[in-house]
């Protein structure tokens, strides 16, 4: 987000107080409400949700990195988990650091500008990863034949690389926005402290206007519009698929086909839920941006305290959005739950427990083979049932590859 009116300076991280004494039309005295909001949000709520989010995203990565979960959609989701984890780690540290705190050491002041750039980078990458896997899911559901050719793991990795590189290029100018300066008190060199200031480059009118609106268009409005569009199309597709499944359930179609259709539907609903929560958590930030821009354009007195309070809440919503995906995956995906239980049990029992299960599995397979052979020689009816059982077992192995 661009200089001067970017939310990171006075809203999202609320780490900078650059505008405190430099801009006209701003109400800059910190109110008691703002102080209480900062205390509750940044000292209590943010650490709680961020810690839960980091743990949840760690579990997401552990499950999704499993070879059994290697699909194009899951590659996107694993990359999203990485970006959310880094974003949460950086914002957690920033919640305890403010340029207005004169007692911070020099290293903390040097860290803040870089940390805020990287928080923007990971947040922006997560935004476009969400757009990308939503588009991929729509292609897979609406155009299944083309989806088999387009929605591959290799192409997903290429798309992720392009997204990260594009976000890095667009975020790179922010490294030159801020400088750390010494501020002398009472015009004497005996008493001084560090503070954050905009660079001359960041104060140029072309940068403030051009980069700001480019940034807002690319990382705020365009993703929200695309996500709203693709999510609406996915909801329509799910509604049509439900009608089709009801028709199949009344026909002679096997129950396994209906079961696979339900599994695909649950995966689609999971991704729709991820996008809906994203829209709910990100839209207030966009609305606040429009409001702030309107106030400035009209020349009204700028209610800085109100904007900062709203910005703290918007920041908390964004962090909640980066923290809840583990719950969504666990609720909607039975395959994710099975893999998660397998990973946890393997960690608790160790490799010996896994090896001890192998003889039992071999005995079961031998018993199943002998039973099937006996059934195949009994009668034509038994043969038909065995073939049906084999088809069912194969169907279990051919379940949807999605999460």
Protein backbone atom coordinates (compact mmCIF):
# COMPACT_ATOMS: atom_id res chain seq x y z
CA UNK A 1 0.00 0.00 0.00
CA UNK A 2 1.36 3.31 -1.03
CA UNK A 3 2.97 6.09 1.02
CA UNK A 4 1.15 8.75 3.01
CA UNK A 5 -2.26 7.14 2.76
CA UNK A 6 -1.16 3.56 3.06
CA UNK A 7 -2.84 1.72 5.90
CA UNK A 8 0.40 0.29 7.24
CA UNK A 9 1.43 3.76 8.40
CA UNK A 10 -1.64 4.68 10.37
CA UNK A 11 -3.88 1.67 10.24
CA UNK A 12 -2.89 -1.88 9.60
CA UNK A 13 0.15 -2.38 11.80
CA UNK A 14 -0.19 0.98 13.48
CA UNK A 15 3.58 0.96 13.96
CA UNK A 16 4.30 4.33 12.44
CA UNK A 17 3.30 7.72 13.75
CA UNK A 18 4.83 9.57 10.84
CA UNK A 19 1.84 11.84 10.36
CA UNK A 20 1.66 12.93 13.96
CA UNK A 21 3.15 16.40 13.46
CA UNK A 22 3.53 16.76 9.72
CA UNK A 23 0.13 16.78 8.03
CA UNK A 24 -2.57 19.39 8.19
CA UNK A 25 -6.16 18.48 8.85
CA UNK A 26 -5.37 15.52 11.10
CA UNK A 27 -6.60 15.07 14.63
CA UNK A 28 -3.47 13.62 16.19
CA UNK A 29 -4.00 13.51 19.97
CA UNK A 30 -4.33 9.88 20.98
CA UNK A 31 -7.64 9.22 22.69
CA UNK A 32 -8.23 6.86 25.57
CA UNK A 33 -10.26 4.63 23.25
CA UNK A 34 -7.30 4.27 20.89
CA UNK A 35 -4.96 3.40 23.77
CA UNK A 36 -7.40 0.76 25.07
CA UNK A 37 -7.92 -0.64 21.57
CA UNK A 38 -4.18 -0.97 21.03
CA UNK A 39 -3.79 -2.68 24.39
CA UNK A 40 -6.59 -5.20 23.89
CA UNK A 41 -5.98 -5.93 20.21
CA UNK A 42 -2.22 -5.83 19.96
CA UNK A 43 -1.24 -7.17 23.36
CA UNK A 44 -3.90 -9.84 23.90
CA UNK A 45 -5.98 -10.74 20.83
CA UNK A 46 -3.22 -10.59 18.23
CA UNK A 47 -0.80 -12.86 20.15
CA UNK A 48 -3.59 -15.38 20.82
CA UNK A 49 -4.89 -15.64 17.25
CA UNK A 50 -1.42 -15.43 15.70
CA UNK A 51 -0.07 -18.22 17.93
CA UNK A 52 -3.05 -20.43 17.09
CA UNK A 53 -2.63 -19.55 13.42
CA UNK A 54 1.08 -20.42 13.38
CA UNK A 55 0.38 -23.81 14.98
CA UNK A 56 -2.52 -24.45 12.59
CA UNK A 57 -0.49 -23.53 9.51
CA UNK A 58 2.35 -25.75 10.72
CA UNK A 59 -0.10 -28.67 10.80
CA UNK A 60 -1.36 -27.68 7.35
CA UNK A 61 2.18 -27.85 5.96
CA UNK A 62 2.92 -31.18 7.67
CA UNK A 63 -0.22 -32.74 6.18
CA UNK A 64 -0.08 -31.17 2.72
CA UNK A 65 3.60 -32.03 2.19
CA UNK A 66 2.63 -35.72 2.44
CA UNK A 67 3.06 -37.43 -0.96
CA UNK A 68 -0.50 -38.76 -0.75
CA UNK A 69 -1.76 -35.16 -0.74
CA UNK A 70 0.29 -34.06 -3.76
CA UNK A 71 -2.27 -32.41 -6.06
CA UNK A 72 -2.32 -29.04 -7.79
CA UNK A 73 -4.92 -27.62 -5.39
CA UNK A 74 -2.96 -28.81 -2.38
CA UNK A 75 0.23 -27.26 -3.75
CA UNK A 76 -1.56 -23.91 -3.74
CA UNK A 77 -2.87 -24.51 -0.23
CA UNK A 78 0.57 -25.48 1.07
CA UNK A 79 2.08 -22.30 -0.41
CA UNK A 80 -0.74 -20.32 1.18
CA UNK A 81 0.08 -21.93 4.54
CA UNK A 82 3.74 -20.89 4.19
CA UNK A 83 2.80 -17.29 3.33
CA UNK A 84 0.28 -17.09 6.17
CA UNK A 85 2.84 -18.46 8.63
CA UNK A 86 5.51 -15.91 7.71
CA UNK A 87 2.95 -13.12 7.68
CA UNK A 88 1.74 -14.06 11.17
CA UNK A 89 5.28 -14.32 12.54
CA UNK A 90 6.21 -10.87 11.25
CA UNK A 91 3.00 -9.19 12.41
CA UNK A 92 3.37 -10.80 15.83
CA UNK A 93 6.73 -9.10 16.30
CA UNK A 94 5.39 -5.81 14.92
CA UNK A 95 2.53 -5.82 17.42
CA UNK A 96 5.12 -5.24 20.16
CA UNK A 97 7.14 -2.62 18.27
CA UNK A 98 6.10 0.95 17.45
CA UNK A 99 8.13 3.84 16.15
CA UNK A 100 6.38 5.99 18.76
CA UNK A 101 8.13 3.99 21.50
CA UNK A 102 11.28 5.98 22.24
CA UNK A 103 12.71 3.24 24.44
CA UNK A 104 13.16 0.72 21.64
CA UNK A 105 16.77 -0.15 20.81
CA UNK A 106 18.26 0.86 17.47
CA UNK A 107 18.06 -2.71 16.17
CA UNK A 108 14.28 -2.71 16.66
CA UNK A 109 13.93 0.55 14.73
CA UNK A 110 16.04 -0.91 11.90
CA UNK A 111 13.90 -4.04 11.94
CA UNK A 112 10.47 -2.38 11.74
CA UNK A 113 10.65 -0.99 8.15
CA UNK A 114 11.97 -4.25 6.71
CA UNK A 115 9.51 -6.36 8.66
CA UNK A 116 6.58 -4.32 7.42
CA UNK A 117 7.69 -4.70 3.81
CA UNK A 118 7.93 -8.47 4.20
CA UNK A 119 4.52 -8.57 5.91
CA UNK A 120 3.10 -6.80 2.85
CA UNK A 121 4.93 -9.21 0.54
CA UNK A 122 3.56 -12.35 2.20
CA UNK A 123 0.08 -10.86 2.56
CA UNK A 124 -0.03 -9.83 -1.11
CA UNK A 125 1.23 -13.24 -2.22
CA UNK A 126 -1.46 -14.94 -0.14
CA UNK A 127 -4.11 -12.75 -1.79
CA UNK A 128 -3.16 -13.83 -5.31
CA UNK A 129 -2.67 -17.46 -4.31
CA UNK A 130 -6.28 -17.40 -3.12
CA UNK A 131 -7.37 -15.96 -6.47
CA UNK A 132 -5.34 -18.55 -8.35
CA UNK A 133 -6.65 -21.67 -6.61
CA UNK A 134 -10.20 -20.32 -6.82
CA UNK A 135 -9.79 -19.95 -10.60
CA UNK A 136 -8.23 -23.41 -10.80
CA UNK A 137 -11.09 -24.97 -8.86
CA UNK A 138 -13.64 -23.30 -11.13
CA UNK A 139 -11.88 -24.71 -14.20
CA UNK A 140 -11.72 -28.17 -12.64
CA UNK A 141 -15.43 -28.15 -11.78
CA UNK A 142 -16.88 -26.31 -14.78
CA UNK A 143 -14.51 -27.73 -17.45
CA UNK A 144 -13.28 -31.10 -16.16
CA UNK A 145 -11.66 -32.20 -19.44
CA UNK A 146 -9.60 -29.01 -19.73
CA UNK A 147 -8.96 -29.14 -16.00
CA UNK A 148 -7.04 -32.41 -16.36
CA UNK A 149 -4.62 -30.70 -18.75
CA UNK A 150 -4.41 -27.32 -17.05
CA UNK A 151 -4.66 -28.14 -13.34
CA UNK A 152 -1.40 -30.04 -12.84
CA UNK A 153 1.17 -29.92 -10.05
CA UNK A 154 3.89 -28.65 -12.40
CA UNK A 155 1.77 -25.77 -13.70
CA UNK A 156 0.69 -24.94 -10.15
CA UNK A 157 4.34 -24.61 -9.09
CA UNK A 158 5.05 -22.36 -12.08
CA UNK A 159 2.05 -20.18 -11.26
CA UNK A 160 3.16 -19.89 -7.61
CA UNK A 161 6.64 -18.82 -8.70
CA UNK A 162 5.23 -16.17 -11.03
CA UNK A 163 2.90 -14.88 -8.30
CA UNK A 164 5.67 -14.58 -5.73
CA UNK A 165 8.04 -12.88 -8.18
CA UNK A 166 5.34 -10.43 -9.30
CA UNK A 167 4.43 -9.57 -5.71
CA UNK A 168 8.09 -9.08 -4.81
CA UNK A 169 8.62 -6.69 -7.75
CA UNK A 170 5.50 -4.69 -6.83
CA UNK A 171 6.44 -4.55 -3.15
CA UNK A 172 10.15 -3.79 -3.67
CA UNK A 173 9.77 0.05 -3.78
CA UNK A 174 8.59 -0.04 -0.16
CA UNK A 175 12.17 -0.78 0.93
CA UNK A 176 13.01 2.83 0.01
CA UNK A 177 10.07 4.50 1.74
CA UNK A 178 11.36 4.82 5.28
CA UNK A 179 14.51 5.92 7.03
CA UNK A 180 15.51 5.86 10.68
CA UNK A 181 16.69 9.19 12.08
CA UNK A 182 17.89 10.58 15.36
CA UNK A 183 15.54 13.13 16.92
CA UNK A 184 17.21 15.50 19.38
CA UNK A 185 15.13 16.74 22.30
CA UNK A 186 15.27 20.36 23.45
CA UNK A 187 17.73 21.10 20.61
CA UNK A 188 20.59 19.51 22.52
CA UNK A 189 22.69 16.53 21.60
CA UNK A 190 22.63 15.21 25.14
CA UNK A 191 19.09 13.77 24.83
CA UNK A 192 17.87 12.04 21.68
CA UNK A 193 15.91 9.04 20.42
CA UNK A 194 15.30 7.22 17.15
CA UNK A 195 12.21 7.70 14.98
CA UNK A 196 10.80 6.67 11.60
CA UNK A 197 10.56 9.18 8.77
CA UNK A 198 9.62 9.08 5.12
CA UNK A 199 12.47 9.38 2.62
CA UNK A 200 12.52 12.10 -0.04
CA UNK A 201 11.73 9.40 -2.58
CA UNK A 202 8.55 8.45 -0.71
CA UNK A 203 7.44 12.09 -0.49
CA UNK A 204 7.42 12.69 -4.24
CA UNK A 205 3.95 13.36 -5.64
CA UNK A 206 4.34 10.86 -8.48
CA UNK A 207 5.24 8.06 -6.07
CA UNK A 208 2.50 8.92 -3.59
CA UNK A 209 -0.19 9.04 -6.25
CA UNK A 210 0.98 6.58 -8.92
CA UNK A 211 2.35 3.78 -6.77
CA UNK A 212 -0.43 4.08 -4.25
CA UNK A 213 -3.25 3.63 -6.74
CA UNK A 214 -1.39 0.94 -8.63
CA UNK A 215 -0.85 -0.96 -5.39
CA UNK A 216 -4.47 -0.57 -4.31
CA UNK A 217 -5.77 -1.67 -7.70
CA UNK A 218 -3.50 -4.74 -7.93
CA UNK A 219 -3.70 -6.01 -4.34
CA UNK A 220 -7.06 -4.79 -3.06
CA UNK A 221 -9.82 -4.11 -5.57
CA UNK A 222 -8.88 -6.46 -8.42
CA UNK A 223 -8.50 -9.56 -6.19
CA UNK A 224 -11.74 -8.81 -4.35
CA UNK A 225 -13.65 -8.44 -7.64
CA UNK A 226 -12.16 -11.62 -9.12
CA UNK A 227 -12.79 -13.64 -5.96
CA UNK A 228 -16.38 -12.44 -5.74
CA UNK A 229 -16.90 -13.38 -9.41
CA UNK A 230 -15.29 -16.84 -9.28
CA UNK A 231 -16.92 -17.64 -5.95
CA UNK A 232 -20.34 -16.80 -7.36
CA UNK A 233 -19.68 -19.07 -10.33
CA UNK A 234 -18.53 -21.86 -8.01
CA UNK A 235 -21.65 -21.52 -5.88
CA UNK A 236 -23.77 -21.77 -9.01
CA UNK A 237 -21.84 -24.86 -10.11
CA UNK A 238 -22.32 -26.50 -6.70
CA UNK A 239 -26.05 -25.81 -6.80
CA UNK A 240 -26.31 -27.39 -10.26
CA UNK A 241 -24.22 -30.37 -9.14
CA UNK A 242 -26.54 -30.95 -6.18
CA UNK A 243 -29.50 -31.15 -8.54
CA UNK A 244 -27.61 -33.56 -10.78
CA UNK A 245 -26.63 -35.75 -7.83
CA UNK A 246 -30.25 -35.96 -6.74
CA UNK A 247 -31.17 -37.14 -10.22
CA UNK A 248 -28.37 -39.73 -10.17
CA UNK A 249 -29.50 -41.04 -6.80
CA UNK A 250 -32.90 -41.83 -8.33
CA UNK A 251 -31.37 -43.61 -11.33
CA UNK A 252 -29.31 -46.81 -11.65
CA UNK A 253 -26.00 -45.09 -11.06
CA UNK A 254 -23.86 -46.90 -8.47
CA UNK A 255 -23.53 -45.53 -5.00
CA UNK A 256 -19.75 -45.18 -5.46
CA UNK A 257 -20.21 -42.58 -8.22
CA UNK A 258 -22.53 -40.60 -5.97
CA UNK A 259 -19.99 -40.89 -3.13
CA UNK A 260 -17.21 -39.52 -5.33
CA UNK A 261 -19.47 -36.69 -6.42
CA UNK A 262 -20.17 -35.81 -2.78
CA UNK A 263 -16.43 -35.81 -2.02
CA UNK A 264 -15.78 -33.41 -4.89
CA UNK A 265 -18.61 -31.22 -3.64
CA UNK A 266 -17.12 -31.07 -0.14
CA UNK A 267 -13.74 -30.02 -1.54
CA UNK A 268 -15.39 -27.30 -3.58
CA UNK A 269 -17.41 -26.11 -0.58
CA UNK A 270 -14.23 -26.03 1.49
CA UNK A 271 -12.52 -23.73 -1.01
CA UNK A 272 -15.65 -21.59 -1.26
CA UNK A 273 -15.61 -21.23 2.54
CA UNK A 274 -11.94 -20.22 2.46
CA UNK A 275 -12.74 -17.52 -0.11
CA UNK A 276 -15.85 -16.32 1.75
CA UNK A 277 -13.90 -15.88 4.99
CA UNK A 278 -11.20 -14.09 3.00
CA UNK A 279 -13.78 -11.67 1.58
CA UNK A 280 -15.36 -11.06 4.98
CA UNK A 281 -11.98 -10.32 6.58
CA UNK A 282 -10.51 -8.26 3.72
CA UNK A 283 -13.53 -6.18 2.64
CA UNK A 284 -13.55 -3.92 5.76
CA UNK A 285 -10.01 -2.86 4.89
CA UNK A 286 -11.10 -1.91 1.36
CA UNK A 287 -14.11 0.01 2.69
CA UNK A 288 -11.89 1.86 5.14
CA UNK A 289 -9.53 2.72 2.30
CA UNK A 290 -12.38 4.20 0.24
CA UNK A 291 -13.63 6.18 3.23
CA UNK A 292 -10.18 7.57 3.99
CA UNK A 293 -9.62 8.54 0.36
CA UNK A 294 -13.02 10.27 0.22
CA UNK A 295 -12.34 12.23 3.42
CA UNK A 296 -9.00 13.41 2.12
CA UNK A 297 -10.38 14.34 -1.32
CA UNK A 298 -13.13 16.47 0.24
CA UNK A 299 -10.67 18.22 2.56
CA UNK A 300 -12.56 17.23 5.69
CA UNK A 301 -10.85 17.05 9.07
CA UNK A 302 -9.21 13.67 9.25
CA UNK A 303 -10.38 11.58 12.26
CA UNK A 304 -7.04 9.87 12.80
CA UNK A 305 -8.02 8.21 16.08
CA UNK A 306 -11.16 6.65 14.61
CA UNK A 307 -9.22 5.43 11.58
CA UNK A 308 -6.49 3.96 13.78
CA UNK A 309 -9.05 2.14 15.93
CA UNK A 310 -10.78 0.76 12.84
CA UNK A 311 -7.38 -0.11 11.40
CA UNK A 312 -6.45 -2.19 14.42
CA UNK A 313 -9.68 -4.13 14.01
CA UNK A 314 -9.09 -4.59 10.27
CA UNK A 315 -5.59 -5.82 11.00
CA UNK A 316 -6.97 -8.34 13.50
CA UNK A 317 -9.47 -9.60 10.90
CA UNK A 318 -6.68 -10.13 8.37
CA UNK A 319 -4.70 -12.11 10.93
CA UNK A 320 -7.75 -14.20 11.83
CA UNK A 321 -8.18 -14.93 8.13
CA UNK A 322 -4.59 -16.22 8.00
CA UNK A 323 -5.22 -18.43 11.06
CA UNK A 324 -8.44 -20.37 10.43
CA UNK A 325 -7.67 -22.49 7.35
CA UNK A 326 -6.67 -25.53 9.43
CA UNK A 327 -10.15 -25.63 10.96
CA UNK A 328 -11.77 -25.41 7.52
CA UNK A 329 -9.61 -28.18 6.05
CA UNK A 330 -10.28 -30.42 9.03
CA UNK A 331 -14.03 -29.86 8.91
CA UNK A 332 -14.60 -30.32 5.18
CA UNK A 333 -11.97 -32.85 4.08
CA UNK A 334 -12.06 -36.42 5.34
CA UNK A 335 -8.81 -37.12 3.49
CA UNK A 336 -7.10 -34.25 5.34
CA UNK A 337 -8.36 -35.62 8.67
CA UNK A 338 -7.15 -39.14 7.87
CA UNK A 339 -3.72 -37.91 6.83
CA UNK A 340 -3.49 -35.69 9.90
CA UNK A 341 -4.37 -38.59 12.22
CA UNK A 342 -1.85 -40.80 10.43
CA UNK A 343 0.92 -38.20 10.83
CA UNK A 344 0.13 -37.62 14.50
CA UNK A 345 -0.08 -41.33 15.28
CA UNK A 346 3.18 -41.97 13.44
CA UNK A 347 4.89 -39.25 15.45
CA UNK A 348 3.56 -40.67 18.74
CA UNK A 349 4.20 -44.35 18.04
CA UNK A 350 7.37 -44.09 15.96
CA UNK A 351 8.44 -46.21 12.97
CA UNK A 352 8.29 -49.46 14.94
CA UNK A 353 4.54 -49.19 15.32
CA UNK A 354 4.16 -48.66 11.59
CA UNK A 355 6.30 -51.72 10.82
CA UNK A 356 4.36 -53.83 13.30
CA UNK A 357 1.19 -53.21 11.36
CA UNK A 358 2.58 -54.63 8.12
CA UNK A 359 2.24 -58.37 8.97
CA UNK A 360 -1.35 -57.75 10.00
CA UNK A 361 -2.04 -55.98 6.71
CA UNK A 362 -0.42 -58.83 4.73
CA UNK A 363 -2.49 -61.43 6.60
CA UNK A 364 -5.61 -59.42 5.90
CA UNK A 365 -4.80 -59.21 2.21
CA UNK A 366 -4.08 -62.96 2.03
CA UNK A 367 -7.33 -63.73 3.81
CA UNK A 368 -9.22 -61.39 1.50
CA UNK A 369 -7.62 -63.05 -1.56
CA UNK A 370 -8.52 -66.57 -0.43
CA UNK A 371 -12.05 -65.52 0.44
CA UNK A 372 -12.48 -63.87 -2.94
CA UNK A 373 -11.16 -66.96 -4.73
CA UNK A 374 -13.65 -69.18 -2.90
CA UNK A 375 -16.48 -66.84 -3.72
CA UNK A 376 -15.53 -66.73 -7.42
CA UNK A 377 -15.92 -70.51 -7.72
CA UNK A 378 -19.17 -70.83 -5.80
CA UNK A 379 -21.84 -69.65 -8.25
CA UNK A 380 -22.63 -67.07 -10.88
CA UNK A 381 -24.36 -64.90 -8.29
CA UNK A 382 -21.30 -64.98 -6.03
CA UNK A 383 -19.12 -64.13 -9.03
CA UNK A 384 -21.25 -61.09 -9.79
CA UNK A 385 -21.05 -59.91 -6.18
CA UNK A 386 -17.27 -60.36 -6.14
CA UNK A 387 -16.90 -58.32 -9.32
CA UNK A 388 -19.07 -55.63 -7.79
CA UNK A 389 -16.91 -55.71 -4.64
CA UNK A 390 -13.75 -55.35 -6.73
CA UNK A 391 -15.25 -52.40 -8.58
CA UNK A 392 -16.12 -50.81 -5.25
CA UNK A 393 -12.61 -51.33 -3.91
CA UNK A 394 -11.12 -49.80 -7.04
CA UNK A 395 -13.49 -46.91 -6.70
CA UNK A 396 -12.17 -46.29 -3.21
CA UNK A 397 -8.66 -46.01 -4.66
CA UNK A 398 -9.83 -43.65 -7.38
CA UNK A 399 -11.36 -41.09 -5.07
CA UNK A 400 -10.87 -37.49 -5.85
CA UNK A 401 -7.27 -36.29 -5.61
CA UNK A 402 -8.24 -33.04 -4.00
CA UNK A 403 -7.68 -32.37 -0.33
